[in-house]
Amino acid sequence: MDDVSVTIGGHGAWEQFGTYISAVLSFFGVVAGLLWSGYLNRTADTQREHEKDLDLYHEIKILRIALLADLQNLQRVMAEEKKRARNKNEKSTWFPTINFFQIYECNLEKIGLLQQDEATALVNSYYAFNEQRSYILRFGNKNDRKAEKYNNVEILYIDDEEREKLVYHISAILNPARRAKLAISRGINMPPPAAPREGMFAYFRV
């Protein structure tokens, strides 16, 4: 009878131990499942954030390209006007009255997405253009009725002093425009955001 009791007791201990092992394995299985699920969710969130960053990068790059095109046109036209003003054989010019900053004005809410040096140079160029253009247009023919129709105004070169004043105001437009163009060009060449490279243990990072 004693031998039977020992056998039964030993068998019960093994059952209890097996139950314990099964519970431990089940617990670790649940924990592993939670960790894996968390890792997958974290990976999906990271991928979505990366896609948003890429979309924003492309949006800003398109804006930069458009702004750069306006600045290039502004620089080209002002350089031609400056050269013409210094040419003593030229007696007059048709100075453009068009707005070279339409892209800027239509995207004011996005200018803050640019780098600080880009935004600063662009704003400085914008205000320099508007201020100096107002001075330049004072040289124009007040009786010219073609200005509104053709987006330019006739300026007569009266004497050398007038020419030098005009050159000064044009240079005050050109120099900030060059700085803005350089800053925007650097921004265009910025690489896109790198793809995330995270392992499973990145889930534990806070």
N, C-alpha and C. Protein backbone atom coordinates (compact mmCIF):
# COMPACT_ATOMS: atom_id res chain seq x y z
N MET A 1 0.83 -1.21 0.00
CA MET A 1 0.00 0.00 0.00
C MET A 1 0.86 1.25 0.00
N ASP A 2 1.96 1.21 0.79
CA ASP A 2 2.85 2.37 0.84
C ASP A 2 3.49 2.62 -0.51
N ASP A 3 3.88 1.53 -1.22
CA ASP A 3 4.50 1.70 -2.54
C ASP A 3 3.54 2.35 -3.51
N VAL A 4 2.30 1.98 -3.46
CA VAL A 4 1.29 2.54 -4.36
C VAL A 4 1.11 4.03 -4.09
N SER A 5 1.12 4.40 -2.81
CA SER A 5 0.96 5.81 -2.44
C SER A 5 2.11 6.65 -2.96
N VAL A 6 3.33 6.12 -2.88
CA VAL A 6 4.50 6.85 -3.37
C VAL A 6 4.40 7.05 -4.87
N THR A 7 3.96 5.99 -5.56
CA THR A 7 3.85 6.07 -7.02
C THR A 7 2.83 7.11 -7.42
N ILE A 8 1.69 7.08 -6.73
CA ILE A 8 0.63 8.04 -7.06
C ILE A 8 1.09 9.45 -6.75
N GLY A 9 1.78 9.62 -5.60
CA GLY A 9 2.27 10.94 -5.23
C GLY A 9 3.28 11.46 -6.23
N GLY A 10 4.17 10.58 -6.69
CA GLY A 10 5.16 11.01 -7.69
C GLY A 10 4.50 11.38 -9.00
N HIS A 11 3.51 10.61 -9.39
CA HIS A 11 2.79 10.92 -10.63
C HIS A 11 2.08 12.27 -10.53
N GLY A 12 1.51 12.58 -9.38
CA GLY A 12 0.84 13.86 -9.17
C GLY A 12 1.81 15.02 -9.23
N ALA A 13 3.02 14.82 -8.73
CA ALA A 13 4.03 15.89 -8.77
C ALA A 13 4.43 16.21 -10.20
N TRP A 14 4.57 15.15 -11.01
CA TRP A 14 4.92 15.38 -12.42
C TRP A 14 3.80 16.11 -13.16
N GLU A 15 2.57 15.76 -12.82
CA GLU A 15 1.43 16.45 -13.44
C GLU A 15 1.42 17.93 -13.05
N GLN A 16 1.71 18.18 -11.77
CA GLN A 16 1.74 19.56 -11.29
C GLN A 16 2.87 20.34 -11.97
N PHE A 17 4.03 19.68 -12.11
CA PHE A 17 5.17 20.32 -12.77
C PHE A 17 4.86 20.59 -14.24
N GLY A 18 4.20 19.62 -14.90
CA GLY A 18 3.83 19.80 -16.30
C GLY A 18 2.84 20.95 -16.48
N THR A 19 1.91 21.04 -15.52
CA THR A 19 0.94 22.14 -15.58
C THR A 19 1.64 23.48 -15.43
N TYR A 20 2.64 23.50 -14.52
CA TYR A 20 3.40 24.73 -14.30
C TYR A 20 4.17 25.14 -15.56
N ILE A 21 4.83 24.15 -16.16
CA ILE A 21 5.59 24.43 -17.39
C ILE A 21 4.65 24.92 -18.49
N SER A 22 3.50 24.28 -18.60
CA SER A 22 2.53 24.68 -19.63
C SER A 22 2.06 26.11 -19.41
N ALA A 23 1.83 26.46 -18.13
CA ALA A 23 1.38 27.81 -17.81
C ALA A 23 2.46 28.84 -18.15
N VAL A 24 3.72 28.46 -17.80
CA VAL A 24 4.84 29.38 -18.10
C VAL A 24 4.98 29.58 -19.60
N LEU A 25 4.92 28.46 -20.35
CA LEU A 25 5.04 28.56 -21.80
C LEU A 25 3.89 29.38 -22.40
N SER A 26 2.70 29.17 -21.85
CA SER A 26 1.55 29.94 -22.33
C SER A 26 1.74 31.43 -22.06
N PHE A 27 2.28 31.72 -20.86
CA PHE A 27 2.51 33.12 -20.50
C PHE A 27 3.52 33.77 -21.45
N PHE A 28 4.64 33.06 -21.67
CA PHE A 28 5.64 33.60 -22.58
C PHE A 28 5.12 33.68 -24.01
N GLY A 29 4.24 32.76 -24.37
CA GLY A 29 3.63 32.81 -25.69
C GLY A 29 2.77 34.05 -25.86
N VAL A 30 2.00 34.36 -24.80
CA VAL A 30 1.16 35.57 -24.84
C VAL A 30 2.03 36.82 -24.91
N VAL A 31 3.10 36.85 -24.08
CA VAL A 31 4.00 38.00 -24.08
C VAL A 31 4.66 38.17 -25.45
N ALA A 32 5.13 37.05 -26.01
CA ALA A 32 5.76 37.11 -27.33
C ALA A 32 4.78 37.61 -28.39
N GLY A 33 3.53 37.15 -28.28
CA GLY A 33 2.52 37.61 -29.22
C GLY A 33 2.26 39.10 -29.10
N LEU A 34 2.22 39.58 -27.85
CA LEU A 34 2.01 41.01 -27.64
C LEU A 34 3.19 41.82 -28.17
N LEU A 35 4.41 41.31 -27.92
CA LEU A 35 5.59 42.01 -28.42
C LEU A 35 5.61 42.04 -29.94
N TRP A 36 5.28 40.92 -30.55
CA TRP A 36 5.27 40.86 -32.02
C TRP A 36 4.20 41.78 -32.60
N SER A 37 3.03 41.79 -31.96
CA SER A 37 1.96 42.67 -32.42
C SER A 37 2.38 44.14 -32.27
N GLY A 38 3.03 44.45 -31.13
CA GLY A 38 3.51 45.81 -30.93
C GLY A 38 4.56 46.20 -31.94
N TYR A 39 5.44 45.26 -32.25
CA TYR A 39 6.48 45.53 -33.25
C TYR A 39 5.87 45.80 -34.62
N LEU A 40 4.88 44.99 -35.01
CA LEU A 40 4.23 45.19 -36.30
C LEU A 40 3.52 46.55 -36.35
N ASN A 41 2.85 46.90 -35.24
CA ASN A 41 2.17 48.20 -35.20
C ASN A 41 3.16 49.34 -35.28
N ARG A 42 4.27 49.18 -34.53
CA ARG A 42 5.30 50.22 -34.55
C ARG A 42 5.90 50.36 -35.95
N THR A 43 6.15 49.24 -36.60
CA THR A 43 6.70 49.27 -37.95
C THR A 43 5.74 49.94 -38.92
N ALA A 44 4.45 49.62 -38.80
CA ALA A 44 3.45 50.23 -39.68
C ALA A 44 3.37 51.73 -39.44
N ASP A 45 3.40 52.15 -38.16
CA ASP A 45 3.36 53.58 -37.84
C ASP A 45 4.59 54.30 -38.39
N THR A 46 5.75 53.65 -38.23
CA THR A 46 6.99 54.25 -38.73
C THR A 46 6.95 54.41 -40.24
N GLN A 47 6.42 53.40 -40.92
CA GLN A 47 6.32 53.45 -42.38
C GLN A 47 5.38 54.56 -42.83
N ARG A 48 4.25 54.70 -42.11
CA ARG A 48 3.31 55.77 -42.45
C ARG A 48 3.94 57.15 -42.24
N GLU A 49 4.69 57.30 -41.14
CA GLU A 49 5.36 58.57 -40.89
C GLU A 49 6.39 58.87 -41.97
N HIS A 50 7.10 57.82 -42.40
CA HIS A 50 8.10 58.01 -43.45
C HIS A 50 7.44 58.43 -44.76
N GLU A 51 6.30 57.83 -45.07
CA GLU A 51 5.58 58.20 -46.29
C GLU A 51 5.09 59.65 -46.22
N LYS A 52 4.65 60.07 -45.03
CA LYS A 52 4.24 61.47 -44.86
C LYS A 52 5.44 62.41 -45.05
N ASP A 53 6.59 62.01 -44.50
CA ASP A 53 7.79 62.82 -44.66
C ASP A 53 8.19 62.93 -46.13
N LEU A 54 8.06 61.82 -46.86
CA LEU A 54 8.39 61.84 -48.29
C LEU A 54 7.44 62.74 -49.07
N ASP A 55 6.14 62.65 -48.74
CA ASP A 55 5.16 63.51 -49.41
C ASP A 55 5.46 64.98 -49.16
N LEU A 56 5.80 65.30 -47.90
CA LEU A 56 6.13 66.68 -47.56
C LEU A 56 7.41 67.12 -48.27
N TYR A 57 8.38 66.23 -48.34
CA TYR A 57 9.64 66.54 -49.02
C TYR A 57 9.39 66.89 -50.49
N HIS A 58 8.57 66.07 -51.16
CA HIS A 58 8.29 66.33 -52.58
C HIS A 58 7.47 67.61 -52.76
N GLU A 59 6.56 67.87 -51.83
CA GLU A 59 5.76 69.10 -51.91
C GLU A 59 6.66 70.34 -51.78
N ILE A 60 7.58 70.29 -50.81
CA ILE A 60 8.48 71.42 -50.61
C ILE A 60 9.44 71.56 -51.79
N LYS A 61 9.87 70.44 -52.36
CA LYS A 61 10.78 70.51 -53.50
C LYS A 61 10.11 71.16 -54.70
N ILE A 62 8.84 70.82 -54.94
CA ILE A 62 8.09 71.45 -56.03
C ILE A 62 7.97 72.95 -55.80
N LEU A 63 7.71 73.33 -54.54
CA LEU A 63 7.63 74.76 -54.20
C LEU A 63 8.97 75.44 -54.45
N ARG A 64 10.04 74.80 -54.05
CA ARG A 64 11.38 75.38 -54.26
C ARG A 64 11.67 75.57 -55.75
N ILE A 65 11.32 74.59 -56.55
CA ILE A 65 11.58 74.68 -57.99
C ILE A 65 10.81 75.85 -58.59
N ALA A 66 9.55 76.03 -58.17
CA ALA A 66 8.74 77.14 -58.68
C ALA A 66 9.32 78.48 -58.23
N LEU A 67 9.71 78.57 -56.95
CA LEU A 67 10.31 79.81 -56.45
C LEU A 67 11.61 80.12 -57.16
N LEU A 68 12.40 79.08 -57.41
CA LEU A 68 13.68 79.28 -58.10
C LEU A 68 13.46 79.80 -59.51
N ALA A 69 12.44 79.29 -60.19
CA ALA A 69 12.14 79.75 -61.55
C ALA A 69 11.80 81.24 -61.55
N ASP A 70 11.00 81.68 -60.57
CA ASP A 70 10.66 83.10 -60.47
C ASP A 70 11.91 83.95 -60.20
N LEU A 71 12.76 83.47 -59.30
CA LEU A 71 13.98 84.22 -58.98
C LEU A 71 14.93 84.29 -60.17
N GLN A 72 15.02 83.21 -60.93
CA GLN A 72 15.87 83.21 -62.12
C GLN A 72 15.36 84.21 -63.16
N ASN A 73 14.05 84.24 -63.34
CA ASN A 73 13.47 85.21 -64.28
C ASN A 73 13.71 86.64 -63.80
N LEU A 74 13.53 86.86 -62.51
CA LEU A 74 13.77 88.19 -61.94
C LEU A 74 15.22 88.61 -62.16
N GLN A 75 16.14 87.70 -61.86
CA GLN A 75 17.56 88.03 -62.02
C GLN A 75 17.91 88.29 -63.48
N ARG A 76 17.37 87.49 -64.38
CA ARG A 76 17.65 87.67 -65.81
C ARG A 76 17.16 89.02 -66.31
N VAL A 77 15.91 89.36 -65.97
CA VAL A 77 15.32 90.62 -66.45
C VAL A 77 16.04 91.82 -65.85
N MET A 78 16.32 91.77 -64.55
CA MET A 78 16.98 92.91 -63.90
C MET A 78 18.42 93.08 -64.42
N ALA A 79 19.10 91.97 -64.70
CA ALA A 79 20.45 92.06 -65.24
C ALA A 79 20.43 92.71 -66.62
N GLU A 80 19.43 92.39 -67.43
CA GLU A 80 19.29 93.01 -68.75
C GLU A 80 19.01 94.50 -68.62
N GLU A 81 18.14 94.87 -67.67
CA GLU A 81 17.82 96.28 -67.47
C GLU A 81 19.04 97.06 -66.96
N LYS A 82 19.81 96.44 -66.12
CA LYS A 82 21.02 97.09 -65.60
C LYS A 82 22.03 97.32 -66.72
N LYS A 83 22.19 96.32 -67.56
CA LYS A 83 23.11 96.45 -68.70
C LYS A 83 22.64 97.53 -69.66
N ARG A 84 21.34 97.59 -69.89
CA ARG A 84 20.78 98.58 -70.80
C ARG A 84 20.95 100.00 -70.23
N ALA A 85 20.76 100.13 -68.93
CA ALA A 85 20.88 101.45 -68.30
C ALA A 85 22.30 101.98 -68.38
N ARG A 86 23.28 101.09 -68.39
CA ARG A 86 24.68 101.51 -68.46
C ARG A 86 25.17 101.75 -69.89
N ASN A 87 24.35 101.37 -70.84
CA ASN A 87 24.71 101.56 -72.24
C ASN A 87 24.34 102.98 -72.67
N LYS A 88 25.34 103.80 -72.93
CA LYS A 88 25.08 105.21 -73.27
C LYS A 88 24.35 105.36 -74.60
N ASN A 89 24.37 104.31 -75.41
CA ASN A 89 23.66 104.38 -76.70
C ASN A 89 22.16 104.18 -76.55
N GLU A 90 21.75 103.65 -75.41
CA GLU A 90 20.32 103.44 -75.15
C GLU A 90 19.72 104.74 -74.61
N LYS A 91 18.61 105.15 -75.18
CA LYS A 91 17.96 106.39 -74.76
C LYS A 91 16.77 106.14 -73.84
N SER A 92 16.25 104.92 -73.86
CA SER A 92 15.09 104.61 -73.03
C SER A 92 14.97 103.10 -72.89
N THR A 93 14.06 102.66 -72.03
CA THR A 93 13.78 101.24 -71.86
C THR A 93 12.32 101.07 -71.46
N TRP A 94 11.83 99.87 -71.66
CA TRP A 94 10.49 99.52 -71.19
C TRP A 94 10.67 98.63 -69.96
N PHE A 95 10.56 99.24 -68.81
CA PHE A 95 10.81 98.50 -67.57
C PHE A 95 9.58 97.67 -67.19
N PRO A 96 9.78 96.38 -66.88
CA PRO A 96 8.63 95.51 -66.58
C PRO A 96 7.98 95.87 -65.24
N THR A 97 6.67 95.84 -65.23
CA THR A 97 5.92 96.11 -64.00
C THR A 97 5.27 94.85 -63.44
N ILE A 98 5.57 93.71 -64.05
CA ILE A 98 4.94 92.46 -63.59
C ILE A 98 5.46 92.07 -62.21
N ASN A 99 4.70 91.25 -61.53
CA ASN A 99 5.07 90.77 -60.21
C ASN A 99 5.84 89.46 -60.36
N PHE A 100 7.11 89.47 -59.98
CA PHE A 100 7.95 88.28 -60.09
C PHE A 100 7.81 87.35 -58.88
N PHE A 101 6.93 87.69 -57.95
CA PHE A 101 6.80 86.90 -56.73
C PHE A 101 5.39 86.35 -56.55
N GLN A 102 4.75 86.00 -57.64
CA GLN A 102 3.39 85.45 -57.54
C GLN A 102 3.38 84.10 -56.83
N ILE A 103 4.37 83.26 -57.11
CA ILE A 103 4.45 81.95 -56.44
C ILE A 103 4.62 82.15 -54.94
N TYR A 104 5.47 83.08 -54.58
CA TYR A 104 5.69 83.39 -53.16
C TYR A 104 4.40 83.84 -52.49
N GLU A 105 3.70 84.77 -53.11
CA GLU A 105 2.49 85.32 -52.52
C GLU A 105 1.36 84.30 -52.43
N CYS A 106 1.34 83.36 -53.36
CA CYS A 106 0.28 82.33 -53.36
C CYS A 106 0.59 81.18 -52.40
N ASN A 107 1.79 81.16 -51.84
CA ASN A 107 2.19 80.05 -50.97
C ASN A 107 2.79 80.55 -49.66
N LEU A 108 2.26 81.66 -49.16
CA LEU A 108 2.80 82.23 -47.93
C LEU A 108 2.73 81.26 -46.76
N GLU A 109 1.65 80.45 -46.71
CA GLU A 109 1.49 79.53 -45.58
C GLU A 109 2.50 78.39 -45.62
N LYS A 110 3.18 78.21 -46.76
CA LYS A 110 4.15 77.12 -46.89
C LYS A 110 5.60 77.61 -46.75
N ILE A 111 5.80 78.91 -46.71
CA ILE A 111 7.16 79.44 -46.63
C ILE A 111 7.85 78.97 -45.35
N GLY A 112 7.07 78.78 -44.30
CA GLY A 112 7.64 78.30 -43.04
C GLY A 112 8.18 76.88 -43.11
N LEU A 113 7.85 76.14 -44.17
CA LEU A 113 8.37 74.78 -44.34
C LEU A 113 9.79 74.78 -44.89
N LEU A 114 10.23 75.92 -45.42
CA LEU A 114 11.58 76.02 -45.94
C LEU A 114 12.59 76.11 -44.80
N GLN A 115 13.87 75.91 -45.14
CA GLN A 115 14.93 76.11 -44.16
C GLN A 115 14.99 77.59 -43.79
N GLN A 116 15.53 77.88 -42.61
CA GLN A 116 15.54 79.26 -42.13
C GLN A 116 16.28 80.19 -43.08
N ASP A 117 17.44 79.74 -43.60
CA ASP A 117 18.20 80.61 -44.50
C ASP A 117 17.45 80.85 -45.80
N GLU A 118 16.69 79.85 -46.27
CA GLU A 118 15.90 80.02 -47.48
C GLU A 118 14.80 81.05 -47.27
N ALA A 119 14.03 80.86 -46.19
CA ALA A 119 12.91 81.75 -45.92
C ALA A 119 13.39 83.19 -45.71
N THR A 120 14.48 83.35 -44.96
CA THR A 120 15.00 84.69 -44.69
C THR A 120 15.44 85.38 -45.99
N ALA A 121 16.20 84.67 -46.81
CA ALA A 121 16.68 85.25 -48.07
C ALA A 121 15.52 85.56 -49.00
N LEU A 122 14.52 84.69 -49.02
CA LEU A 122 13.38 84.89 -49.91
C LEU A 122 12.56 86.11 -49.50
N VAL A 123 12.29 86.23 -48.20
CA VAL A 123 11.52 87.38 -47.71
C VAL A 123 12.28 88.68 -47.96
N ASN A 124 13.59 88.67 -47.72
CA ASN A 124 14.40 89.87 -47.98
C ASN A 124 14.35 90.26 -49.46
N SER A 125 14.42 89.27 -50.33
CA SER A 125 14.35 89.55 -51.76
C SER A 125 12.99 90.10 -52.15
N TYR A 126 11.95 89.56 -51.56
CA TYR A 126 10.59 90.01 -51.86
C TYR A 126 10.40 91.48 -51.50
N TYR A 127 10.82 91.85 -50.30
CA TYR A 127 10.63 93.24 -49.87
C TYR A 127 11.56 94.19 -50.62
N ALA A 128 12.77 93.73 -50.93
CA ALA A 128 13.68 94.57 -51.71
C ALA A 128 13.10 94.84 -53.10
N PHE A 129 12.53 93.82 -53.70
CA PHE A 129 11.93 93.97 -55.03
C PHE A 129 10.80 95.00 -55.01
N ASN A 130 9.89 94.86 -54.07
CA ASN A 130 8.74 95.77 -54.02
C ASN A 130 9.16 97.20 -53.67
N GLU A 131 10.11 97.34 -52.77
CA GLU A 131 10.55 98.68 -52.39
C GLU A 131 11.28 99.37 -53.55
N GLN A 132 12.24 98.66 -54.14
CA GLN A 132 13.04 99.28 -55.20
C GLN A 132 12.23 99.47 -56.49
N ARG A 133 11.31 98.58 -56.75
CA ARG A 133 10.47 98.75 -57.94
C ARG A 133 9.65 100.03 -57.84
N SER A 134 9.17 100.34 -56.65
CA SER A 134 8.38 101.57 -56.48
C SER A 134 9.24 102.80 -56.78
N TYR A 135 10.53 102.74 -56.42
CA TYR A 135 11.43 103.85 -56.74
C TYR A 135 11.69 103.93 -58.24
N ILE A 136 11.91 102.77 -58.85
CA ILE A 136 12.23 102.73 -60.28
C ILE A 136 11.07 103.26 -61.12
N LEU A 137 9.85 102.91 -60.74
CA LEU A 137 8.70 103.33 -61.53
C LEU A 137 8.49 104.83 -61.50
N ARG A 138 9.11 105.51 -60.55
CA ARG A 138 9.02 106.97 -60.51
C ARG A 138 9.77 107.61 -61.68
N PHE A 139 10.72 106.84 -62.25
CA PHE A 139 11.44 107.34 -63.42
C PHE A 139 10.60 107.23 -64.69
N GLY A 140 9.49 106.50 -64.60
CA GLY A 140 8.70 106.21 -65.78
C GLY A 140 7.92 107.40 -66.29
N ASN A 141 7.45 107.23 -67.51
CA ASN A 141 6.62 108.25 -68.16
C ASN A 141 5.24 108.25 -67.51
N LYS A 142 4.91 109.33 -66.83
CA LYS A 142 3.64 109.40 -66.10
C LYS A 142 2.44 109.37 -67.03
N ASN A 143 2.65 109.74 -68.29
CA ASN A 143 1.54 109.79 -69.25
C ASN A 143 1.43 108.51 -70.08
N ASP A 144 2.25 107.52 -69.73
CA ASP A 144 2.25 106.28 -70.50
C ASP A 144 0.98 105.48 -70.21
N ARG A 145 0.18 105.25 -71.21
CA ARG A 145 -1.06 104.50 -71.05
C ARG A 145 -0.90 103.02 -71.42
N LYS A 146 0.31 102.63 -71.83
CA LYS A 146 0.54 101.25 -72.24
C LYS A 146 0.98 100.36 -71.07
N ALA A 147 1.31 101.00 -69.96
CA ALA A 147 1.89 100.26 -68.84
C ALA A 147 0.98 99.14 -68.36
N GLU A 148 -0.30 99.45 -68.15
CA GLU A 148 -1.21 98.45 -67.64
C GLU A 148 -1.45 97.34 -68.65
N LYS A 149 -1.50 97.69 -69.92
CA LYS A 149 -1.80 96.70 -70.96
C LYS A 149 -0.62 95.77 -71.21
N TYR A 150 0.59 96.31 -71.24
CA TYR A 150 1.76 95.52 -71.61
C TYR A 150 2.66 95.17 -70.42
N ASN A 151 2.24 95.49 -69.21
CA ASN A 151 3.00 95.17 -68.00
C ASN A 151 4.41 95.75 -68.01
N ASN A 152 4.56 96.93 -68.58
CA ASN A 152 5.83 97.63 -68.50
C ASN A 152 5.58 99.13 -68.64
N VAL A 153 6.60 99.90 -68.28
CA VAL A 153 6.48 101.36 -68.35
C VAL A 153 7.74 101.91 -69.00
N GLU A 154 7.58 102.93 -69.80
CA GLU A 154 8.72 103.52 -70.50
C GLU A 154 9.51 104.42 -69.56
N ILE A 155 10.83 104.20 -69.55
CA ILE A 155 11.72 105.03 -68.74
C ILE A 155 12.73 105.69 -69.69
N LEU A 156 12.79 107.00 -69.65
CA LEU A 156 13.72 107.75 -70.49
C LEU A 156 15.00 108.02 -69.71
N TYR A 157 16.14 107.75 -70.36
CA TYR A 157 17.42 108.04 -69.74
C TYR A 157 17.76 109.50 -70.00
N ILE A 158 17.50 110.36 -69.02
CA ILE A 158 17.68 111.80 -69.21
C ILE A 158 19.15 112.19 -69.18
N ASP A 159 19.88 111.70 -68.17
CA ASP A 159 21.30 112.03 -68.06
C ASP A 159 22.00 110.91 -67.30
N ASP A 160 23.32 111.06 -67.13
CA ASP A 160 24.10 110.02 -66.46
C ASP A 160 23.70 109.84 -65.00
N GLU A 161 23.32 110.92 -64.36
CA GLU A 161 22.90 110.83 -62.97
C GLU A 161 21.65 109.97 -62.84
N GLU A 162 20.71 110.15 -63.76
CA GLU A 162 19.50 109.34 -63.76
C GLU A 162 19.84 107.87 -64.00
N ARG A 163 20.77 107.64 -64.89
CA ARG A 163 21.20 106.27 -65.18
C ARG A 163 21.77 105.60 -63.93
N GLU A 164 22.64 106.32 -63.22
CA GLU A 164 23.28 105.74 -62.04
C GLU A 164 22.27 105.47 -60.93
N LYS A 165 21.29 106.34 -60.80
CA LYS A 165 20.24 106.10 -59.81
C LYS A 165 19.46 104.83 -60.16
N LEU A 166 19.16 104.69 -61.44
CA LEU A 166 18.42 103.52 -61.88
C LEU A 166 19.24 102.24 -61.67
N VAL A 167 20.53 102.31 -61.99
CA VAL A 167 21.42 101.16 -61.78
C VAL A 167 21.48 100.79 -60.30
N TYR A 168 21.52 101.80 -59.44
CA TYR A 168 21.56 101.55 -57.99
C TYR A 168 20.31 100.78 -57.54
N HIS A 169 19.14 101.23 -57.97
CA HIS A 169 17.90 100.58 -57.54
C HIS A 169 17.79 99.16 -58.12
N ILE A 170 18.25 98.98 -59.35
CA ILE A 170 18.21 97.64 -59.94
C ILE A 170 19.16 96.70 -59.19
N SER A 171 20.34 97.21 -58.83
CA SER A 171 21.30 96.39 -58.06
C SER A 171 20.72 96.00 -56.71
N ALA A 172 19.94 96.89 -56.12
CA ALA A 172 19.32 96.61 -54.83
C ALA A 172 18.25 95.52 -54.94
N ILE A 173 17.79 95.25 -56.15
CA ILE A 173 16.89 94.11 -56.39
C ILE A 173 17.71 92.86 -56.69
N LEU A 174 18.75 93.02 -57.49
CA LEU A 174 19.54 91.89 -57.95
C LEU A 174 20.26 91.16 -56.82
N ASN A 175 20.90 91.90 -55.94
CA ASN A 175 21.73 91.27 -54.91
C ASN A 175 20.93 90.36 -53.96
N PRO A 176 19.80 90.82 -53.41
CA PRO A 176 18.99 89.91 -52.58
C PRO A 176 18.43 88.74 -53.38
N ALA A 177 18.10 88.98 -54.66
CA ALA A 177 17.57 87.90 -55.50
C ALA A 177 18.63 86.81 -55.69
N ARG A 178 19.88 87.20 -55.87
CA ARG A 178 20.96 86.22 -56.02
C ARG A 178 21.12 85.38 -54.75
N ARG A 179 21.07 86.05 -53.61
CA ARG A 179 21.21 85.31 -52.34
C ARG A 179 20.04 84.35 -52.14
N ALA A 180 18.84 84.79 -52.49
CA ALA A 180 17.67 83.92 -52.36
C ALA A 180 17.77 82.74 -53.31
N LYS A 181 18.23 83.00 -54.52
CA LYS A 181 18.37 81.92 -55.51
C LYS A 181 19.38 80.89 -55.04
N LEU A 182 20.47 81.34 -54.46
CA LEU A 182 21.50 80.43 -53.96
C LEU A 182 20.96 79.57 -52.82
N ALA A 183 20.22 80.19 -51.90
CA ALA A 183 19.66 79.45 -50.76
C ALA A 183 18.64 78.42 -51.23
N ILE A 184 17.76 78.81 -52.15
CA ILE A 184 16.74 77.88 -52.65
C ILE A 184 17.40 76.74 -53.43
N SER A 185 18.46 77.05 -54.18
CA SER A 185 19.17 76.01 -54.93
C SER A 185 19.76 74.96 -53.99
N ARG A 186 20.31 75.42 -52.88
CA ARG A 186 20.84 74.46 -51.89
C ARG A 186 19.71 73.60 -51.33
N GLY A 187 18.56 74.21 -51.10
CA GLY A 187 17.43 73.44 -50.58
C GLY A 187 16.95 72.38 -51.55
N ILE A 188 16.97 72.70 -52.85
CA ILE A 188 16.53 71.73 -53.85
C ILE A 188 17.44 70.50 -53.85
N ASN A 189 18.71 70.70 -53.56
CA ASN A 189 19.68 69.60 -53.59
C ASN A 189 19.70 68.78 -52.30
N MET A 190 18.86 69.13 -51.34
CA MET A 190 18.81 68.35 -50.10
C MET A 190 18.27 66.95 -50.39
N PRO A 191 18.87 65.90 -49.81
CA PRO A 191 18.40 64.53 -50.07
C PRO A 191 17.06 64.27 -49.39
N PRO A 192 16.30 63.30 -49.89
CA PRO A 192 15.03 62.95 -49.24
C PRO A 192 15.28 62.30 -47.89
N PRO A 193 14.27 62.26 -47.02
CA PRO A 193 14.45 61.61 -45.72
C PRO A 193 14.76 60.13 -45.89
N ALA A 194 15.70 59.64 -45.09
CA ALA A 194 16.13 58.25 -45.21
C ALA A 194 15.04 57.31 -44.71
N ALA A 195 14.98 56.14 -45.33
CA ALA A 195 14.01 55.13 -44.91
C ALA A 195 14.38 54.61 -43.52
N PRO A 196 13.40 54.33 -42.67
CA PRO A 196 13.69 53.85 -41.31
C PRO A 196 14.31 52.46 -41.35
N ARG A 197 15.30 52.24 -40.49
CA ARG A 197 15.92 50.92 -40.36
C ARG A 197 15.86 50.52 -38.90
N GLU A 198 14.79 49.88 -38.55
CA GLU A 198 14.57 49.53 -37.15
C GLU A 198 14.37 48.03 -37.01
N GLY A 199 15.01 47.47 -35.99
CA GLY A 199 14.80 46.07 -35.67
C GLY A 199 13.66 45.91 -34.70
N MET A 200 13.41 44.68 -34.31
CA MET A 200 12.29 44.41 -33.42
C MET A 200 12.47 45.09 -32.07
N PHE A 201 13.72 45.20 -31.59
CA PHE A 201 13.94 45.76 -30.25
C PHE A 201 13.75 47.27 -30.22
N ALA A 202 13.55 47.88 -31.39
CA ALA A 202 13.24 49.31 -31.40
C ALA A 202 11.91 49.58 -30.71
N TYR A 203 11.08 48.54 -30.61
CA TYR A 203 9.77 48.68 -29.96
C TYR A 203 9.92 49.08 -28.50
N PHE A 204 11.06 48.68 -27.89
CA PHE A 204 11.24 48.95 -26.48
C PHE A 204 11.71 50.37 -26.22
N ARG A 205 12.11 51.09 -27.29
CA ARG A 205 12.59 52.45 -27.10
C ARG A 205 11.42 53.37 -26.77
N VAL A 206 11.66 54.28 -25.87
CA VAL A 206 10.62 55.22 -25.47
C VAL A 206 10.60 56.39 -26.44
